[in-house]
Amino acid sequence: MSFNWWREAEPDEMSAQAIIDRVAAEWRAGHQHMQDRTEQHGTAARPAGSPHAAPEKPFGVSEAHRTMQQHKACRADQCPRKAAAQRTLIDAGHMTPDTSRRY
């Protein structure tokens, strides 16, 4: 009688699905931690001198364009500076919001 490795092998924690489940759980835990931290401290969790802090005065259009380029890796819902630049460009008509997203 031959060994049917697929059915008779003992399951271990290194199966592809186990790894996928573990990575997904780790991502969810990290994402939840960031959400909790943001809710706890608000968007002011970053220091005032941070390059991601909200601007002290409203952006001009050219400054908003430059800020959007500098913060292209940031998400507007997590970076107050990018959110302010995005709002300036939308209000000036230089950017049209995607209706499926919240701005």
PDB file of N, CA and C in Angstrom:
ATOM      1  N   MET A   1       0.846  -1.174   0.000  1.00  0.00           N
ATOM      2  CA  MET A   1       0.000   0.000   0.000  1.00  0.00           C
ATOM      3  C   MET A   1       0.894   1.240   0.000  1.00  0.00           C
ATOM      4  N   SER A   2       0.600   2.182  -0.871  1.00  0.00           N
ATOM      5  CA  SER A   2       1.435   3.374  -0.988  1.00  0.00           C
ATOM      6  C   SER A   2       0.923   4.484  -0.062  1.00  0.00           C
ATOM      7  N   PHE A   3       1.807   5.401   0.224  1.00  0.00           N
ATOM      8  CA  PHE A   3       1.474   6.533   1.093  1.00  0.00           C
ATOM      9  C   PHE A   3       0.859   7.644   0.252  1.00  0.00           C
ATOM     10  N   ASN A   4      -0.316   8.063   0.607  1.00  0.00           N
ATOM     11  CA  ASN A   4      -0.975   9.161  -0.083  1.00  0.00           C
ATOM     12  C   ASN A   4      -0.646  10.430   0.697  1.00  0.00           C
ATOM     13  N   TRP A   5       0.422  11.098   0.310  1.00  0.00           N
ATOM     14  CA  TRP A   5       0.929  12.235   1.078  1.00  0.00           C
ATOM     15  C   TRP A   5      -0.063  13.381   1.168  1.00  0.00           C
ATOM     16  N   TRP A   6      -0.903  13.531   0.164  1.00  0.00           N
ATOM     17  CA  TRP A   6      -1.830  14.655   0.157  1.00  0.00           C
ATOM     18  C   TRP A   6      -2.913  14.495   1.222  1.00  0.00           C
ATOM     19  N   ARG A   7      -3.395  13.278   1.410  1.00  0.00           N
ATOM     20  CA  ARG A   7      -4.488  13.060   2.355  1.00  0.00           C
ATOM     21  C   ARG A   7      -4.020  12.609   3.728  1.00  0.00           C
ATOM     22  N   GLU A   8      -2.890  11.929   3.779  1.00  0.00           N
ATOM     23  CA  GLU A   8      -2.468  11.352   5.041  1.00  0.00           C
ATOM     24  C   GLU A   8      -1.375  12.138   5.747  1.00  0.00           C
ATOM     25  N   ALA A   9      -0.844  13.150   5.108  1.00  0.00           N
ATOM     26  CA  ALA A   9       0.198  13.943   5.759  1.00  0.00           C
ATOM     27  C   ALA A   9      -0.431  14.737   6.899  1.00  0.00           C
ATOM     28  N   GLU A  10       0.313  14.876   7.964  1.00  0.00           N
ATOM     29  CA  GLU A  10      -0.199  15.641   9.096  1.00  0.00           C
ATOM     30  C   GLU A  10      -0.202  17.127   8.740  1.00  0.00           C
ATOM     31  N   PRO A  11      -1.294  17.809   9.017  1.00  0.00           N
ATOM     32  CA  PRO A  11      -1.315  19.245   8.720  1.00  0.00           C
ATOM     33  C   PRO A  11      -0.345  19.985   9.643  1.00  0.00           C
ATOM     34  N   ASP A  12       0.334  20.936   9.094  1.00  0.00           N
ATOM     35  CA  ASP A  12       1.240  21.742   9.908  1.00  0.00           C
ATOM     36  C   ASP A  12       0.884  23.213   9.729  1.00  0.00           C
ATOM     37  N   GLU A  13       1.574  24.058  10.418  1.00  0.00           N
ATOM     38  CA  GLU A  13       1.299  25.491  10.352  1.00  0.00           C
ATOM     39  C   GLU A  13       1.991  26.163   9.168  1.00  0.00           C
ATOM     40  N   MET A  14       2.590  25.397   8.279  1.00  0.00           N
ATOM     41  CA  MET A  14       3.296  25.973   7.144  1.00  0.00           C
ATOM     42  C   MET A  14       2.529  25.795   5.835  1.00  0.00           C
ATOM     43  N   SER A  15       1.269  25.382   5.911  1.00  0.00           N
ATOM     44  CA  SER A  15       0.501  25.261   4.679  1.00  0.00           C
ATOM     45  C   SER A  15       0.261  26.656   4.117  1.00  0.00           C
ATOM     46  N   ALA A  16      -0.004  26.716   2.840  1.00  0.00           N
ATOM     47  CA  ALA A  16      -0.212  28.016   2.194  1.00  0.00           C
ATOM     48  C   ALA A  16      -1.378  28.763   2.833  1.00  0.00           C
ATOM     49  N   GLN A  17      -2.470  28.060   3.106  1.00  0.00           N
ATOM     50  CA  GLN A  17      -3.629  28.723   3.695  1.00  0.00           C
ATOM     51  C   GLN A  17      -3.336  29.203   5.109  1.00  0.00           C
ATOM     52  N   ALA A  18      -2.578  28.423   5.879  1.00  0.00           N
ATOM     53  CA  ALA A  18      -2.224  28.849   7.240  1.00  0.00           C
ATOM     54  C   ALA A  18      -1.376  30.115   7.202  1.00  0.00           C
ATOM     55  N   ILE A  19      -0.466  30.204   6.252  1.00  0.00           N
ATOM     56  CA  ILE A  19       0.379  31.393   6.125  1.00  0.00           C
ATOM     57  C   ILE A  19      -0.466  32.593   5.708  1.00  0.00           C
ATOM     58  N   ILE A  20      -1.361  32.399   4.740  1.00  0.00           N
ATOM     59  CA  ILE A  20      -2.244  33.479   4.292  1.00  0.00           C
ATOM     60  C   ILE A  20      -3.103  33.975   5.454  1.00  0.00           C
ATOM     61  N   ASP A  21      -3.671  33.048   6.222  1.00  0.00           N
ATOM     62  CA  ASP A  21      -4.507  33.426   7.362  1.00  0.00           C
ATOM     63  C   ASP A  21      -3.707  34.188   8.412  1.00  0.00           C
ATOM     64  N   ARG A  22      -2.473  33.734   8.690  1.00  0.00           N
ATOM     65  CA  ARG A  22      -1.635  34.392   9.693  1.00  0.00           C
ATOM     66  C   ARG A  22      -1.272  35.807   9.259  1.00  0.00           C
ATOM     67  N   VAL A  23      -0.874  35.964   7.990  1.00  0.00           N
ATOM     68  CA  VAL A  23      -0.503  37.293   7.488  1.00  0.00           C
ATOM     69  C   VAL A  23      -1.719  38.226   7.503  1.00  0.00           C
ATOM     70  N   ALA A  24      -2.874  37.724   7.110  1.00  0.00           N
ATOM     71  CA  ALA A  24      -4.087  38.543   7.124  1.00  0.00           C
ATOM     72  C   ALA A  24      -4.438  38.973   8.551  1.00  0.00           C
ATOM     73  N   ALA A  25      -4.304  38.054   9.505  1.00  0.00           N
ATOM     74  CA  ALA A  25      -4.592  38.391  10.906  1.00  0.00           C
ATOM     75  C   ALA A  25      -3.610  39.436  11.427  1.00  0.00           C
ATOM     76  N   GLU A  26      -2.337  39.303  11.067  1.00  0.00           N
ATOM     77  CA  GLU A  26      -1.341  40.289  11.493  1.00  0.00           C
ATOM     78  C   GLU A  26      -1.645  41.659  10.885  1.00  0.00           C
ATOM     79  N   TRP A  27      -2.034  41.681   9.609  1.00  0.00           N
ATOM     80  CA  TRP A  27      -2.359  42.953   8.959  1.00  0.00           C
ATOM     81  C   TRP A  27      -3.564  43.601   9.632  1.00  0.00           C
ATOM     82  N   ARG A  28      -4.616  42.797   9.890  1.00  0.00           N
ATOM     83  CA  ARG A  28      -5.812  43.340  10.543  1.00  0.00           C
ATOM     84  C   ARG A  28      -5.482  43.898  11.925  1.00  0.00           C
ATOM     85  N   ALA A  29      -4.643  43.180  12.678  1.00  0.00           N
ATOM     86  CA  ALA A  29      -4.267  43.642  14.019  1.00  0.00           C
ATOM     87  C   ALA A  29      -3.495  44.958  13.934  1.00  0.00           C
ATOM     88  N   GLY A  30      -2.571  45.070  13.004  1.00  0.00           N
ATOM     89  CA  GLY A  30      -1.808  46.307  12.833  1.00  0.00           C
ATOM     90  C   GLY A  30      -2.688  47.452  12.390  1.00  0.00           C
ATOM     91  N   HIS A  31      -3.605  47.169  11.465  1.00  0.00           N
ATOM     92  CA  HIS A  31      -4.520  48.202  10.969  1.00  0.00           C
ATOM     93  C   HIS A  31      -5.439  48.672  12.094  1.00  0.00           C
ATOM     94  N   GLN A  32      -5.936  47.735  12.898  1.00  0.00           N
ATOM     95  CA  GLN A  32      -6.808  48.088  14.018  1.00  0.00           C
ATOM     96  C   GLN A  32      -6.047  48.924  15.040  1.00  0.00           C
ATOM     97  N   HIS A  33      -4.779  48.581  15.280  1.00  0.00           N
ATOM     98  CA  HIS A  33      -3.952  49.346  16.218  1.00  0.00           C
ATOM     99  C   HIS A  33      -3.806  50.791  15.739  1.00  0.00           C
ATOM    100  N   MET A  34      -3.564  50.977  14.442  1.00  0.00           N
ATOM    101  CA  MET A  34      -3.417  52.330  13.897  1.00  0.00           C
ATOM    102  C   MET A  34      -4.731  53.102  14.009  1.00  0.00           C
ATOM    103  N   GLN A  35      -5.854  52.442  13.754  1.00  0.00           N
ATOM    104  CA  GLN A  35      -7.152  53.107  13.876  1.00  0.00           C
ATOM    105  C   GLN A  35      -7.410  53.512  15.322  1.00  0.00           C
ATOM    106  N   ASP A  36      -7.114  52.603  16.259  1.00  0.00           N
ATOM    107  CA  ASP A  36      -7.311  52.908  17.673  1.00  0.00           C
ATOM    108  C   ASP A  36      -6.450  54.089  18.094  1.00  0.00           C
ATOM    109  N   ARG A  37      -5.208  54.111  17.631  1.00  0.00           N
ATOM    110  CA  ARG A  37      -4.292  55.189  17.985  1.00  0.00           C
ATOM    111  C   ARG A  37      -4.775  56.524  17.417  1.00  0.00           C
ATOM    112  N   THR A  38      -5.269  56.497  16.179  1.00  0.00           N
ATOM    113  CA  THR A  38      -5.768  57.718  15.553  1.00  0.00           C
ATOM    114  C   THR A  38      -7.009  58.219  16.280  1.00  0.00           C
ATOM    115  N   GLU A  39      -7.916  57.307  16.634  1.00  0.00           N
ATOM    116  CA  GLU A  39      -9.121  57.706  17.354  1.00  0.00           C
ATOM    117  C   GLU A  39      -8.774  58.231  18.742  1.00  0.00           C
ATOM    118  N   GLN A  40      -7.789  57.614  19.377  1.00  0.00           N
ATOM    119  CA  GLN A  40      -7.401  58.010  20.724  1.00  0.00           C
ATOM    120  C   GLN A  40      -6.775  59.401  20.732  1.00  0.00           C
ATOM    121  N   HIS A  41      -5.913  59.663  19.763  1.00  0.00           N
ATOM    122  CA  HIS A  41      -5.183  60.920  19.736  1.00  0.00           C
ATOM    123  C   HIS A  41      -5.732  61.904  18.710  1.00  0.00           C
ATOM    124  N   GLY A  42      -6.663  61.476  17.891  1.00  0.00           N
ATOM    125  CA  GLY A  42      -7.169  62.329  16.825  1.00  0.00           C
ATOM    126  C   GLY A  42      -6.102  62.486  15.749  1.00  0.00           C
ATOM    127  N   THR A  43      -6.358  63.341  14.775  1.00  0.00           N
ATOM    128  CA  THR A  43      -5.378  63.537  13.711  1.00  0.00           C
ATOM    129  C   THR A  43      -4.183  64.321  14.193  1.00  0.00           C
ATOM    130  N   ALA A  44      -4.247  64.859  15.401  1.00  0.00           N
ATOM    131  CA  ALA A  44      -3.126  65.621  15.952  1.00  0.00           C
ATOM    132  C   ALA A  44      -2.097  64.706  16.601  1.00  0.00           C
ATOM    133  N   ALA A  45      -2.129  63.411  16.292  1.00  0.00           N
ATOM    134  CA  ALA A  45      -1.166  62.479  16.864  1.00  0.00           C
ATOM    135  C   ALA A  45       0.245  62.792  16.381  1.00  0.00           C
ATOM    136  N   ARG A  46       0.350  63.471  15.258  1.00  0.00           N
ATOM    137  CA  ARG A  46       1.663  63.864  14.752  1.00  0.00           C
ATOM    138  C   ARG A  46       2.062  65.195  15.384  1.00  0.00           C
ATOM    139  N   PRO A  47       3.329  65.384  15.648  1.00  0.00           N
ATOM    140  CA  PRO A  47       3.757  66.663  16.217  1.00  0.00           C
ATOM    141  C   PRO A  47       3.488  67.820  15.261  1.00  0.00           C
ATOM    142  N   ALA A  48       3.350  69.017  15.816  1.00  0.00           N
ATOM    143  CA  ALA A  48       3.013  70.194  15.008  1.00  0.00           C
ATOM    144  C   ALA A  48       4.061  70.476  13.942  1.00  0.00           C
ATOM    145  N   GLY A  49       5.320  70.178  14.202  1.00  0.00           N
ATOM    146  CA  GLY A  49       6.374  70.432  13.233  1.00  0.00           C
ATOM    147  C   GLY A  49       6.526  69.326  12.205  1.00  0.00           C
ATOM    148  N   SER A  50       5.658  68.339  12.255  1.00  0.00           N
ATOM    149  CA  SER A  50       5.732  67.204  11.342  1.00  0.00           C
ATOM    150  C   SER A  50       5.439  67.647   9.912  1.00  0.00           C
ATOM    151  N   PRO A  51       6.107  67.039   8.923  1.00  0.00           N
ATOM    152  CA  PRO A  51       5.807  67.397   7.531  1.00  0.00           C
ATOM    153  C   PRO A  51       4.401  66.967   7.106  1.00  0.00           C
ATOM    154  N   HIS A  52       3.725  66.178   7.936  1.00  0.00           N
ATOM    155  CA  HIS A  52       2.373  65.724   7.612  1.00  0.00           C
ATOM    156  C   HIS A  52       1.306  66.519   8.361  1.00  0.00           C
ATOM    157  N   ALA A  53       1.721  67.445   9.221  1.00  0.00           N
ATOM    158  CA  ALA A  53       0.761  68.230  10.005  1.00  0.00           C
ATOM    159  C   ALA A  53      -0.034  69.160   9.091  1.00  0.00           C
ATOM    160  N   ALA A  54      -1.230  69.494   9.527  1.00  0.00           N
ATOM    161  CA  ALA A  54      -2.068  70.417   8.753  1.00  0.00           C
ATOM    162  C   ALA A  54      -1.365  71.767   8.634  1.00  0.00           C
ATOM    163  N   PRO A  55      -1.533  72.441   7.507  1.00  0.00           N
ATOM    164  CA  PRO A  55      -0.863  73.739   7.330  1.00  0.00           C
ATOM    165  C   PRO A  55      -1.458  74.797   8.258  1.00  0.00           C
ATOM    166  N   GLU A  56      -0.637  75.767   8.604  1.00  0.00           N
ATOM    167  CA  GLU A  56      -1.102  76.846   9.479  1.00  0.00           C
ATOM    168  C   GLU A  56      -2.000  77.822   8.730  1.00  0.00           C
ATOM    169  N   LYS A  57      -1.760  77.997   7.433  1.00  0.00           N
ATOM    170  CA  LYS A  57      -2.601  78.872   6.612  1.00  0.00           C
ATOM    171  C   LYS A  57      -3.025  78.081   5.375  1.00  0.00           C
ATOM    172  N   PRO A  58      -4.134  78.466   4.750  1.00  0.00           N
ATOM    173  CA  PRO A  58      -4.604  77.720   3.572  1.00  0.00           C
ATOM    174  C   PRO A  58      -3.568  77.724   2.440  1.00  0.00           C
ATOM    175  N   PHE A  59      -3.527  76.628   1.712  1.00  0.00           N
ATOM    176  CA  PHE A  59      -2.621  76.508   0.572  1.00  0.00           C
ATOM    177  C   PHE A  59      -3.108  77.348  -0.596  1.00  0.00           C
ATOM    178  N   GLY A  60      -2.160  77.839  -1.398  1.00  0.00           N
ATOM    179  CA  GLY A  60      -2.467  78.360  -2.716  1.00  0.00           C
ATOM    180  C   GLY A  60      -2.502  77.166  -3.668  1.00  0.00           C
ATOM    181  N   VAL A  61      -2.979  77.370  -4.879  1.00  0.00           N
ATOM    182  CA  VAL A  61      -3.112  76.261  -5.824  1.00  0.00           C
ATOM    183  C   VAL A  61      -1.759  75.641  -6.160  1.00  0.00           C
ATOM    184  N   SER A  62      -0.748  76.454  -6.456  1.00  0.00           N
ATOM    185  CA  SER A  62       0.561  75.888  -6.820  1.00  0.00           C
ATOM    186  C   SER A  62       1.184  75.152  -5.637  1.00  0.00           C
ATOM    187  N   GLU A  63       1.006  75.684  -4.440  1.00  0.00           N
ATOM    188  CA  GLU A  63       1.538  75.012  -3.255  1.00  0.00           C
ATOM    189  C   GLU A  63       0.789  73.697  -3.002  1.00  0.00           C
ATOM    190  N   ALA A  64      -0.507  73.683  -3.273  1.00  0.00           N
ATOM    191  CA  ALA A  64      -1.296  72.459  -3.114  1.00  0.00           C
ATOM    192  C   ALA A  64      -0.839  71.390  -4.103  1.00  0.00           C
ATOM    193  N   HIS A  65      -0.552  71.792  -5.348  1.00  0.00           N
ATOM    194  CA  HIS A  65      -0.033  70.839  -6.337  1.00  0.00           C
ATOM    195  C   HIS A  65       1.285  70.240  -5.862  1.00  0.00           C
ATOM    196  N   ARG A  66       2.175  71.085  -5.383  1.00  0.00           N
ATOM    197  CA  ARG A  66       3.483  70.627  -4.911  1.00  0.00           C
ATOM    198  C   ARG A  66       3.325  69.677  -3.709  1.00  0.00           C
ATOM    199  N   THR A  67       2.427  70.020  -2.811  1.00  0.00           N
ATOM    200  CA  THR A  67       2.191  69.181  -1.633  1.00  0.00           C
ATOM    201  C   THR A  67       1.627  67.824  -2.036  1.00  0.00           C
ATOM    202  N   MET A  68       0.725  67.808  -2.996  1.00  0.00           N
ATOM    203  CA  MET A  68       0.173  66.532  -3.471  1.00  0.00           C
ATOM    204  C   MET A  68       1.273  65.649  -4.048  1.00  0.00           C
ATOM    205  N   GLN A  69       2.218  66.244  -4.761  1.00  0.00           N
ATOM    206  CA  GLN A  69       3.331  65.475  -5.321  1.00  0.00           C
ATOM    207  C   GLN A  69       4.250  64.972  -4.213  1.00  0.00           C
ATOM    208  N   GLN A  70       4.519  65.820  -3.229  1.00  0.00           N
ATOM    209  CA  GLN A  70       5.407  65.428  -2.141  1.00  0.00           C
ATOM    210  C   GLN A  70       4.789  64.351  -1.255  1.00  0.00           C
ATOM    211  N   HIS A  71       3.479  64.331  -1.166  1.00  0.00           N
ATOM    212  CA  HIS A  71       2.783  63.385  -0.290  1.00  0.00           C
ATOM    213  C   HIS A  71       2.032  62.326  -1.097  1.00  0.00           C
ATOM    214  N   LYS A  72       2.566  61.968  -2.262  1.00  0.00           N
ATOM    215  CA  LYS A  72       1.859  60.998  -3.107  1.00  0.00           C
ATOM    216  C   LYS A  72       1.737  59.630  -2.446  1.00  0.00           C
ATOM    217  N   ALA A  73       2.625  59.293  -1.525  1.00  0.00           N
ATOM    218  CA  ALA A  73       2.549  58.001  -0.840  1.00  0.00           C
ATOM    219  C   ALA A  73       1.573  58.031   0.335  1.00  0.00           C
ATOM    220  N   CYS A  74       1.148  59.217   0.746  1.00  0.00           N
ATOM    221  CA  CYS A  74       0.241  59.357   1.893  1.00  0.00           C
ATOM    222  C   CYS A  74      -1.208  59.174   1.452  1.00  0.00           C
ATOM    223  N   ARG A  75      -2.030  58.778   2.392  1.00  0.00           N
ATOM    224  CA  ARG A  75      -3.472  58.739   2.164  1.00  0.00           C
ATOM    225  C   ARG A  75      -4.068  60.010   2.737  1.00  0.00           C
ATOM    226  N   ALA A  76      -4.989  60.611   2.027  1.00  0.00           N
ATOM    227  CA  ALA A  76      -5.574  61.883   2.468  1.00  0.00           C
ATOM    228  C   ALA A  76      -6.320  61.736   3.792  1.00  0.00           C
ATOM    229  N   ASP A  77      -6.862  60.549   4.076  1.00  0.00           N
ATOM    230  CA  ASP A  77      -7.580  60.375   5.339  1.00  0.00           C
ATOM    231  C   ASP A  77      -6.638  60.172   6.523  1.00  0.00           C
ATOM    232  N   GLN A  78      -5.333  60.014   6.250  1.00  0.00           N
ATOM    233  CA  GLN A  78      -4.361  59.829   7.323  1.00  0.00           C
ATOM    234  C   GLN A  78      -3.326  60.946   7.380  1.00  0.00           C
ATOM    235  N   CYS A  79      -3.284  61.809   6.389  1.00  0.00           N
ATOM    236  CA  CYS A  79      -2.295  62.886   6.329  1.00  0.00           C
ATOM    237  C   CYS A  79      -3.040  64.224   6.221  1.00  0.00           C
ATOM    238  N   PRO A  80      -3.119  64.971   7.310  1.00  0.00           N
ATOM    239  CA  PRO A  80      -3.853  66.240   7.278  1.00  0.00           C
ATOM    240  C   PRO A  80      -3.322  67.227   6.238  1.00  0.00           C
ATOM    241  N   ARG A  81      -2.031  67.184   5.957  1.00  0.00           N
ATOM    242  CA  ARG A  81      -1.447  68.106   4.977  1.00  0.00           C
ATOM    243  C   ARG A  81      -1.940  67.767   3.570  1.00  0.00           C
ATOM    244  N   LYS A  82      -1.951  66.478   3.230  1.00  0.00           N
ATOM    245  CA  LYS A  82      -2.442  66.075   1.911  1.00  0.00           C
ATOM    246  C   LYS A  82      -3.944  66.354   1.796  1.00  0.00           C
ATOM    247  N   ALA A  83      -4.679  66.150   2.877  1.00  0.00           N
ATOM    248  CA  ALA A  83      -6.118  66.418   2.857  1.00  0.00           C
ATOM    249  C   ALA A  83      -6.392  67.899   2.589  1.00  0.00           C
ATOM    250  N   ALA A  84      -5.600  68.781   3.202  1.00  0.00           N
ATOM    251  CA  ALA A  84      -5.776  70.221   2.978  1.00  0.00           C
ATOM    252  C   ALA A  84      -5.441  70.589   1.536  1.00  0.00           C
ATOM    253  N   ALA A  85      -4.379  69.997   1.002  1.00  0.00           N
ATOM    254  CA  ALA A  85      -4.001  70.269  -0.387  1.00  0.00           C
ATOM    255  C   ALA A  85      -5.078  69.759  -1.344  1.00  0.00           C
ATOM    256  N   GLN A  86      -5.585  68.579  -1.058  1.00  0.00           N
ATOM    257  CA  GLN A  86      -6.625  67.995  -1.900  1.00  0.00           C
ATOM    258  C   GLN A  86      -7.882  68.869  -1.886  1.00  0.00           C
ATOM    259  N   ARG A  87      -8.272  69.339  -0.718  1.00  0.00           N
ATOM    260  CA  ARG A  87      -9.452  70.199  -0.608  1.00  0.00           C
ATOM    261  C   ARG A  87      -9.253  71.491  -1.397  1.00  0.00           C
ATOM    262  N   THR A  88      -8.049  72.071  -1.337  1.00  0.00           N
ATOM    263  CA  THR A  88      -7.751  73.299  -2.087  1.00  0.00           C
ATOM    264  C   THR A  88      -7.912  73.059  -3.584  1.00  0.00           C
ATOM    265  N   LEU A  89      -7.377  71.943  -4.076  1.00  0.00           N
ATOM    266  CA  LEU A  89      -7.452  71.649  -5.511  1.00  0.00           C
ATOM    267  C   LEU A  89      -8.879  71.353  -5.952  1.00  0.00           C
ATOM    268  N   ILE A  90      -9.647  70.683  -5.112  1.00  0.00           N
ATOM    269  CA  ILE A  90     -11.049  70.410  -5.444  1.00  0.00           C
ATOM    270  C   ILE A  90     -11.838  71.719  -5.494  1.00  0.00           C
ATOM    271  N   ASP A  91     -11.641  72.568  -4.479  1.00  0.00           N
ATOM    272  CA  ASP A  91     -12.357  73.851  -4.432  1.00  0.00           C
ATOM    273  C   ASP A  91     -11.986  74.761  -5.598  1.00  0.00           C
ATOM    274  N   ALA A  92     -10.725  74.682  -6.062  1.00  0.00           N
ATOM    275  CA  ALA A  92     -10.266  75.526  -7.172  1.00  0.00           C
ATOM    276  C   ALA A  92     -10.642  74.941  -8.533  1.00  0.00           C
ATOM    277  N   GLY A  93     -11.202  73.739  -8.555  1.00  0.00           N
ATOM    278  CA  GLY A  93     -11.582  73.110  -9.811  1.00  0.00           C
ATOM    279  C   GLY A  93     -10.432  72.446 -10.546  1.00  0.00           C
ATOM    280  N   HIS A  94      -9.292  72.283  -9.892  1.00  0.00           N
ATOM    281  CA  HIS A  94      -8.138  71.635 -10.511  1.00  0.00           C
ATOM    282  C   HIS A  94      -8.159  70.128 -10.313  1.00  0.00           C
ATOM    283  N   MET A  95      -9.069  69.653  -9.508  1.00  0.00           N
ATOM    284  CA  MET A  95      -9.164  68.223  -9.227  1.00  0.00           C
ATOM    285  C   MET A  95     -10.640  67.892  -9.095  1.00  0.00           C
ATOM    286  N   THR A  96     -11.064  66.823  -9.738  1.00  0.00           N
ATOM    287  CA  THR A  96     -12.450  66.395  -9.648  1.00  0.00           C
ATOM    288  C   THR A  96     -12.508  65.166  -8.760  1.00  0.00           C
ATOM    289  N   PRO A  97     -13.259  65.233  -7.678  1.00  0.00           N
ATOM    290  CA  PRO A  97     -13.300  64.086  -6.776  1.00  0.00           C
ATOM    291  C   PRO A  97     -14.002  62.897  -7.414  1.00  0.00           C
ATOM    292  N   ASP A  98     -13.522  61.726  -7.094  1.00  0.00           N
ATOM    293  CA  ASP A  98     -14.147  60.481  -7.509  1.00  0.00           C
ATOM    294  C   ASP A  98     -15.403  60.328  -6.658  1.00  0.00           C
ATOM    295  N   THR A  99     -16.554  60.210  -7.283  1.00  0.00           N
ATOM    296  CA  THR A  99     -17.807  60.179  -6.529  1.00  0.00           C
ATOM    297  C   THR A  99     -17.962  58.918  -5.693  1.00  0.00           C
ATOM    298  N   SER A 100     -17.160  57.892  -5.964  1.00  0.00           N
ATOM    299  CA  SER A 100     -17.266  56.672  -5.169  1.00  0.00           C
ATOM    300  C   SER A 100     -16.446  56.754  -3.888  1.00  0.00           C
ATOM    301  N   ARG A 101     -15.681  57.835  -3.718  1.00  0.00           N
ATOM    302  CA  ARG A 101     -14.851  57.996  -2.516  1.00  0.00           C
ATOM    303  C   ARG A 101     -15.342  59.177  -1.697  1.00  0.00           C
ATOM    304  N   ARG A 102     -15.009  59.126  -0.398  1.00  0.00           N
ATOM    305  CA  ARG A 102     -15.322  60.258   0.473  1.00  0.00           C
ATOM    306  C   ARG A 102     -14.113  61.168   0.542  1.00  0.00           C
ATOM    307  N   TYR A 103     -14.318  62.472   0.372  1.00  0.00           N
ATOM    308  CA  TYR A 103     -13.227  63.441   0.493  1.00  0.00           C
ATOM    309  C   TYR A 103     -13.518  64.383   1.617  1.00  0.00           C
TER     310      TYR A 103
END
